[in-house]
Protein backbone atom coordinates (compact mmCIF):
# COMPACT_ATOMS: atom_id res chain seq x y z
CA UNK A 1 98.05 66.19 101.27
CA UNK A 2 98.23 64.03 104.21
CA UNK A 3 96.57 63.93 107.44
CA UNK A 4 97.43 66.54 110.05
CA UNK A 5 99.08 64.00 112.77
CA UNK A 6 98.51 66.73 115.54
CA UNK A 7 94.89 65.84 115.15
CA UNK A 8 95.45 61.95 114.54
CA UNK A 9 98.00 61.00 117.26
CA UNK A 10 95.58 62.02 120.37
CA UNK A 11 93.00 59.53 118.90
CA UNK A 12 95.28 56.85 118.40
CA UNK A 13 96.60 57.23 121.87
CA UNK A 14 93.09 57.17 123.26
CA UNK A 15 92.34 54.15 121.44
CA UNK A 16 95.48 52.53 123.14
CA UNK A 17 94.41 53.54 126.55
CA UNK A 18 91.08 51.93 125.89
CA UNK A 19 92.85 48.97 124.88
CA UNK A 20 94.63 48.87 128.25
CA UNK A 21 91.73 49.17 130.11
CA UNK A 22 90.97 45.58 130.33
CA UNK A 23 94.34 44.87 132.01
CA UNK A 24 93.20 47.34 134.79
CA UNK A 25 89.89 45.82 135.01
CA UNK A 26 91.34 42.38 135.21
CA UNK A 27 93.58 43.25 138.12
CA UNK A 28 90.77 42.04 140.42
CA UNK A 29 91.88 38.57 139.63
CA UNK A 30 95.28 39.14 141.44
CA UNK A 31 94.82 42.18 143.54
CA UNK A 32 92.32 43.28 146.34
CA UNK A 33 89.66 45.78 145.69
CA UNK A 34 91.45 48.65 147.29
CA UNK A 35 94.39 48.21 144.92
CA UNK A 36 91.94 47.71 141.83
CA UNK A 37 89.88 50.97 142.54
CA UNK A 38 93.37 52.76 142.93
CA UNK A 39 94.85 51.40 139.69
CA UNK A 40 91.53 52.68 137.76
CA UNK A 41 91.61 55.97 139.34
CA UNK A 42 95.44 55.95 138.11
CA UNK A 43 93.92 54.88 134.42
CA UNK A 44 91.52 57.70 134.86
CA UNK A 45 93.92 60.38 135.53
CA UNK A 46 96.00 59.13 132.69
CA UNK A 47 93.02 59.12 130.20
CA UNK A 48 92.13 62.68 131.55
CA UNK A 49 95.56 63.88 130.78
CA UNK A 50 95.14 62.45 126.89
CA UNK A 51 92.19 64.64 126.49
CA UNK A 52 93.62 67.55 128.36
CA UNK A 53 96.87 67.64 126.42
CA UNK A 54 95.65 66.74 123.11
CA UNK A 55 95.95 70.25 121.89
CA UNK A 56 98.91 71.70 123.83
CA UNK A 57 100.97 68.62 123.49
CA UNK A 58 99.75 66.55 120.70
CA UNK A 59 102.97 64.32 120.35
CA UNK A 60 103.67 64.29 124.17
CA UNK A 61 100.63 62.35 124.58
CA UNK A 62 102.38 59.24 122.98
CA UNK A 63 104.14 58.43 126.15
CA UNK A 64 100.61 58.07 128.29
CA UNK A 65 99.95 54.64 127.15
CA UNK A 66 103.45 53.29 127.89
CA UNK A 67 103.19 54.80 131.29
CA UNK A 68 99.75 53.35 131.79
CA UNK A 69 101.01 49.89 131.14
CA UNK A 70 104.33 50.34 132.83
CA UNK A 71 102.68 51.53 136.14
CA UNK A 72 99.96 48.48 136.01
CA UNK A 73 102.88 46.09 135.77
CA UNK A 74 104.81 47.92 138.47
CA UNK A 75 101.89 47.65 140.73
CA UNK A 76 100.90 44.13 139.91
CA UNK A 77 104.49 42.87 140.29
CA UNK A 78 104.95 44.68 143.49
CA UNK A 79 101.85 43.17 144.95
CA UNK A 80 102.79 39.92 143.97
CA UNK A 81 106.32 40.18 145.33
CA UNK A 82 105.78 42.11 148.63
CA UNK A 83 102.30 41.68 149.62
CA UNK A 84 101.42 38.08 148.58
CA UNK A 85 98.85 38.81 145.80
CA UNK A 86 98.29 35.40 143.90
CA UNK A 87 96.06 34.53 141.39
């Protein structure tokens, strides 16, 4: 019998969230401190959702790393375009 994917998927998603964390931490090279703190709070909220939803939405958590990287890219791109953030 194979693995129970409802138990495996949330751990894989949590590993993906940890893999995305360096992007959020390195944002300080481009963004001001207030933006980095805001991004880290968003990342923490998404990581919390992974832990919170792991039993009730075991396959729904798959979207959270995609949201995390998309949100990071959107914030950094908008900051560069409209607020003049540069490396």
